[in-house]
């Protein structure tokens, strides 16, 4: 993998590392929601939800648009489905005793 791919992957996995952000992705899957609609569903303040939405959008997982003072977001097509596949894969690897998942990360080139 190239450095840009590694950085992009790192940013995406960091965005997925919070349960609140995973919940936001599920809620916004296939439908556009205002941040003000998400806040009560994830039991967080509106500014905190905005922060999480910005992280998810920066990672390329959400599409956002602003309408006057409101921000609307929607999960990019297929993201939640792929996320479920990734979680199933991780679960399968975790349940196989004695098996380790090896990832070869190349050293950065100058």
Protein backbone atom coordinates (compact mmCIF):
# COMPACT_ATOMS: atom_id res chain seq x y z
CA UNK A 1 0.00 0.00 0.00
CA UNK A 2 1.10 3.53 -0.64
CA UNK A 3 1.41 6.15 2.06
CA UNK A 4 -1.77 7.90 0.92
CA UNK A 5 -3.71 4.62 1.10
CA UNK A 6 -2.35 3.94 4.58
CA UNK A 7 -3.29 7.42 5.78
CA UNK A 8 -6.77 7.10 4.27
CA UNK A 9 -7.28 3.68 5.85
CA UNK A 10 -6.05 4.95 9.19
CA UNK A 11 -8.45 7.89 9.05
CA UNK A 12 -11.35 5.62 8.15
CA UNK A 13 -10.65 3.11 10.93
CA UNK A 14 -10.21 5.93 13.45
CA UNK A 15 -13.63 7.27 12.42
CA UNK A 16 -15.12 3.80 12.91
CA UNK A 17 -13.58 3.35 16.35
CA UNK A 18 -16.37 5.07 18.27
CA UNK A 19 -19.73 3.34 18.96
CA UNK A 20 -21.57 6.67 18.62
CA UNK A 21 -20.21 7.14 15.11
CA UNK A 22 -21.23 3.59 14.17
CA UNK A 23 -24.74 4.35 15.41
CA UNK A 24 -24.82 7.57 13.36
CA UNK A 25 -23.84 5.59 10.25
CA UNK A 26 -26.65 3.11 10.85
CA UNK A 27 -29.23 5.83 11.48
CA UNK A 28 -28.23 7.76 8.34
CA UNK A 29 -28.08 4.66 6.14
CA UNK A 30 -30.24 5.20 3.07
CA UNK A 31 -31.87 8.39 4.34
CA UNK A 32 -30.89 11.97 4.88
CA UNK A 33 -31.10 13.21 8.46
CA UNK A 34 -30.47 16.54 10.09
CA UNK A 35 -27.90 16.61 12.88
CA UNK A 36 -30.70 17.90 15.10
CA UNK A 37 -32.60 14.63 14.40
CA UNK A 38 -29.59 12.47 15.16
CA UNK A 39 -28.75 14.03 18.53
CA UNK A 40 -31.68 12.59 20.55
CA UNK A 41 -31.24 9.16 18.92
CA UNK A 42 -27.63 8.84 20.05
CA UNK A 43 -28.12 10.63 23.39
CA UNK A 44 -25.50 13.27 22.63
CA UNK A 45 -25.60 17.02 22.37
CA UNK A 46 -26.01 18.55 18.94
CA UNK A 47 -22.45 20.01 18.90
CA UNK A 48 -21.03 16.58 19.79
CA UNK A 49 -23.03 14.93 17.00
CA UNK A 50 -21.79 17.61 14.59
CA UNK A 51 -18.22 16.77 15.59
CA UNK A 52 -18.81 13.06 14.91
CA UNK A 53 -20.55 13.80 11.59
CA UNK A 54 -17.58 15.92 10.50
CA UNK A 55 -15.15 13.11 11.32
CA UNK A 56 -17.25 10.58 9.39
CA UNK A 57 -17.54 12.94 6.42
CA UNK A 58 -13.77 13.61 6.45
CA UNK A 59 -13.20 9.85 6.36
CA UNK A 60 -15.44 9.60 3.30
CA UNK A 61 -18.20 7.64 5.02
CA UNK A 62 -20.92 10.31 5.07
CA UNK A 63 -22.13 12.93 2.61
CA UNK A 64 -23.21 16.22 4.17
CA UNK A 65 -24.97 19.31 2.94
CA UNK A 66 -25.83 22.55 4.66
CA UNK A 67 -29.20 24.25 4.33
CA UNK A 68 -29.21 27.60 6.05
CA UNK A 69 -28.26 26.80 9.66
CA UNK A 70 -28.93 23.05 9.48
CA UNK A 71 -26.55 20.29 8.44
CA UNK A 72 -27.95 17.17 6.83
CA UNK A 73 -26.06 13.94 6.38
CA UNK A 74 -26.48 10.58 4.71
CA UNK A 75 -24.30 7.50 4.67
CA UNK A 76 -22.55 6.94 1.35
CA UNK A 77 -24.11 4.12 -0.64
CA UNK A 78 -23.00 0.67 0.52
CA UNK A 79 -20.97 1.85 3.52
CA UNK A 80 -23.09 0.16 6.20
CA UNK A 81 -23.31 -3.07 4.22
CA UNK A 82 -19.54 -3.15 3.80
CA UNK A 83 -19.10 -2.29 7.47
CA UNK A 84 -21.24 -5.28 8.46
CA UNK A 85 -19.12 -7.51 6.20
CA UNK A 86 -15.95 -6.18 7.80
CA UNK A 87 -17.34 -6.82 11.29
CA UNK A 88 -18.35 -10.37 10.27
CA UNK A 89 -14.84 -10.97 8.95
CA UNK A 90 -13.27 -9.63 12.14
CA UNK A 91 -15.58 -11.82 14.20
CA UNK A 92 -14.67 -14.90 12.16
CA UNK A 93 -10.95 -14.22 12.57
CA UNK A 94 -11.40 -13.65 16.30
CA UNK A 95 -13.20 -16.97 16.84
CA UNK A 96 -10.52 -19.07 15.16
CA UNK A 97 -8.22 -20.07 17.98
CA UNK A 98 -4.53 -20.10 17.21
CA UNK A 99 -4.98 -18.13 14.03
CA UNK A 100 -3.54 -14.66 13.73
CA UNK A 101 -4.30 -12.12 11.08
CA UNK A 102 -1.04 -10.92 9.54
CA UNK A 103 -0.86 -7.58 7.83
CA UNK A 104 2.31 -6.62 6.02
CA UNK A 105 2.87 -2.88 6.18
CA UNK A 106 5.70 -1.71 3.94
CA UNK A 107 8.27 0.68 5.26
CA UNK A 108 7.79 4.28 4.08
CA UNK A 109 9.84 5.24 1.06
CA UNK A 110 11.78 8.44 0.94
